[in-house]
Amino acid sequence: MKIQSVRETVKPEKKPKIYFDPSTPEEVEHLEVLQGLLSDKRRGDWDLAAEIVGISRFSVEKAFLRVYSKNHTEAVAALKAVIENRRKLLKQ
């Protein structure tokens, strides 16, 4: 009984919500790219992306999640670059 009560209190990992409702096939594809980047992201990636874009870590993360924000494309490109650089370094 005690084990069951502990398992009920453990909360699953909460994934960030992307503020976007796709209506066209291109938008659906963009949403899939965003979700893929979030699943490939590791700890510290937001900090590196923030250095690339030149804004704060919090602003990069929010711009990435808010598709219609003015820095969204820069945040996506920076996170892609960070992930690609890590993959290249791991292959060497």
Protein backbone atom coordinates (compact mmCIF):
# COMPACT_ATOMS: atom_id res chain seq x y z
CA MET A 1 0.00 0.00 0.00
CA LYS A 2 2.79 2.42 0.81
CA ILE A 3 4.51 1.82 -2.54
CA GLN A 4 1.32 2.55 -4.43
CA SER A 5 0.82 5.88 -2.64
CA VAL A 6 4.39 6.91 -3.50
CA ARG A 7 3.90 6.07 -7.17
CA GLU A 8 0.76 8.18 -7.28
CA THR A 9 2.64 11.20 -5.96
CA VAL A 10 5.44 11.04 -8.52
CA LYS A 11 4.64 13.44 -11.33
CA PRO A 12 5.74 12.70 -14.90
CA GLU A 13 8.16 15.10 -16.58
CA LYS A 14 6.32 18.15 -17.85
CA LYS A 15 7.08 19.10 -21.46
CA PRO A 16 6.91 22.75 -22.47
CA LYS A 17 3.87 23.80 -24.44
CA ILE A 18 4.41 25.20 -27.91
CA TYR A 19 1.96 28.05 -28.47
CA PHE A 20 0.87 27.14 -31.98
CA ASP A 21 -2.18 25.59 -33.65
CA PRO A 22 -1.17 24.45 -37.15
CA SER A 23 -3.69 24.82 -39.96
CA THR A 24 -1.64 24.04 -43.08
CA PRO A 25 0.69 21.12 -43.93
CA GLU A 26 3.70 23.47 -43.73
CA GLU A 27 2.70 24.52 -40.24
CA VAL A 28 2.25 20.89 -39.19
CA GLU A 29 5.75 20.16 -40.50
CA HIS A 30 7.16 23.16 -38.60
CA LEU A 31 5.49 21.95 -35.39
CA GLU A 32 7.08 18.51 -35.87
CA VAL A 33 10.49 20.16 -36.32
CA LEU A 34 9.99 22.13 -33.10
CA GLN A 35 8.99 19.02 -31.18
CA GLY A 36 12.01 17.16 -32.57
CA LEU A 37 14.34 19.93 -31.47
CA LEU A 38 12.84 19.90 -27.98
CA SER A 39 13.37 16.15 -27.71
CA ASP A 40 17.02 16.49 -28.88
CA LYS A 41 17.75 19.45 -26.58
CA ARG A 42 20.02 18.87 -23.60
CA ARG A 43 20.80 20.80 -20.49
CA GLY A 44 22.70 23.99 -21.28
CA ASP A 45 21.49 24.27 -24.86
CA TRP A 46 19.30 27.28 -24.10
CA ASP A 47 22.35 29.09 -22.69
CA LEU A 48 24.38 28.42 -25.83
CA ALA A 49 21.48 29.45 -28.07
CA ALA A 50 21.12 32.66 -26.04
CA GLU A 51 24.78 33.50 -26.71
CA ILE A 52 24.25 32.97 -30.44
CA VAL A 53 21.12 35.13 -30.64
CA GLY A 54 22.35 37.76 -28.19
CA ILE A 55 19.36 37.79 -25.85
CA SER A 56 18.74 36.19 -22.46
CA ARG A 57 18.24 32.46 -21.93
CA PHE A 58 14.65 32.98 -20.80
CA SER A 59 13.87 35.12 -23.86
CA VAL A 60 15.31 32.52 -26.25
CA GLU A 61 13.26 29.77 -24.66
CA LYS A 62 10.05 31.79 -24.78
CA ALA A 63 10.69 32.95 -28.35
CA PHE A 64 11.19 29.32 -29.38
CA LEU A 65 7.89 28.27 -27.79
CA ARG A 66 5.94 31.27 -29.10
CA VAL A 67 5.84 30.78 -32.85
CA TYR A 68 4.55 34.26 -33.63
CA SER A 69 7.17 36.14 -31.57
CA LYS A 70 9.68 38.36 -33.33
CA ASN A 71 12.73 36.29 -32.31
CA HIS A 72 11.24 32.86 -33.07
CA THR A 73 13.18 32.17 -36.26
CA GLU A 74 16.47 33.23 -34.64
CA ALA A 75 15.80 31.03 -31.60
CA VAL A 76 14.98 28.01 -33.79
CA ALA A 77 18.08 28.52 -35.94
CA ALA A 78 20.30 28.93 -32.88
CA LEU A 79 18.98 25.78 -31.19
CA LYS A 80 19.42 23.84 -34.45
CA ALA A 81 23.01 25.08 -34.67
CA VAL A 82 23.77 24.06 -31.08
CA ILE A 83 22.35 20.56 -31.60
CA GLU A 84 24.14 20.10 -34.93
CA ASN A 85 27.46 21.27 -33.44
CA ARG A 86 27.10 18.75 -30.62
CA ARG A 87 26.37 15.94 -33.09
CA LYS A 88 29.42 16.87 -35.17
CA LEU A 89 31.65 16.90 -32.10
CA LEU A 90 30.35 13.51 -30.95
CA LYS A 91 31.06 11.96 -34.35
CA GLN A 92 34.75 12.96 -34.30
